């Protein structure tokens, strides 16, 4: 039986990997998953991954061991028929660590789109993604669509496993939570920008919901300033579901739109959850973040 390896960066890419693993065009594969761990819990990742798909095996590698000039990890299968990984700029290290007949790429969010837009790939590379249209003018890149319908179906099923919080009413604006951007931003500027947008949306008559980030803790000063300002129609929600998409898809009929600076969630909310997006800019983005912000703009066009 043919063997495939999917290298996942966490909850979101495990979701997309599971859709690809079940889209084999009639061929039968033995599918293996390797998850890189950074600021995430191993056991939660394992539960999530097995709820998504019946993997032949799931293994883990630390962030520091994986993102090196030479990956410090050896799979017990020495050779695969196919390997799917997220980042084209890591092709040489991935092919060295995981020999295979064919190496493909699949999206893990804005960063993977950015690397392809920067031409960080070999000619005729195949990139499986939710938004392949962005590469229509790239004649040396084969961009292949991942089924949005299948992603949506999996999320709707998984809502029953994690039971995200329910919103009240139908006039809600969800602001994607800000947990700070260590070593890249002035948190004070970012904090003020969030408070300004939340105040503006509240004055427009919306119920404003600040949704906690799934990986970064909420900025305490931001939360305190919002909680003690009685002029703001505001609520803070934390969902312990692995990805925020579960909260959005459960409450999609109650949300007018979601707002934020940049995020894969903002790009996908319309096509997956049917929720419109409102983007606001920031004066405090680093050069890397500004690049991702521009990639988001291309995708939202």
Foldseek 3Di string as FASTA:
>chain_A
DAEEEEEEAFLQVLLLVLLVQVPPPPDDYQYEYEYEDDLDDPVLRVVSNCLSDPHPYYYYDYPVQCPDPARNDADPDAEGQEYEYAAQLCVVNCCVRYPHVYYAYEHPWLVSVLRVVVVSHDFCHEYEYQQQVLCPVVPRYHYHYRDLVSSLVSLVVCCVVFVWDEDPAQQEEEEEADQDDPPQWDVVQVLVVVVVVQLVSQVVPGQYEYEYAQRHGGDVVSVVVVVPPVSGNYDYGYGNPNHCVSVCQVHVRRHQAYEYAATRCQLCCCSNRVHHYDHDHGPIGGPVVVSSSVSSVSSND
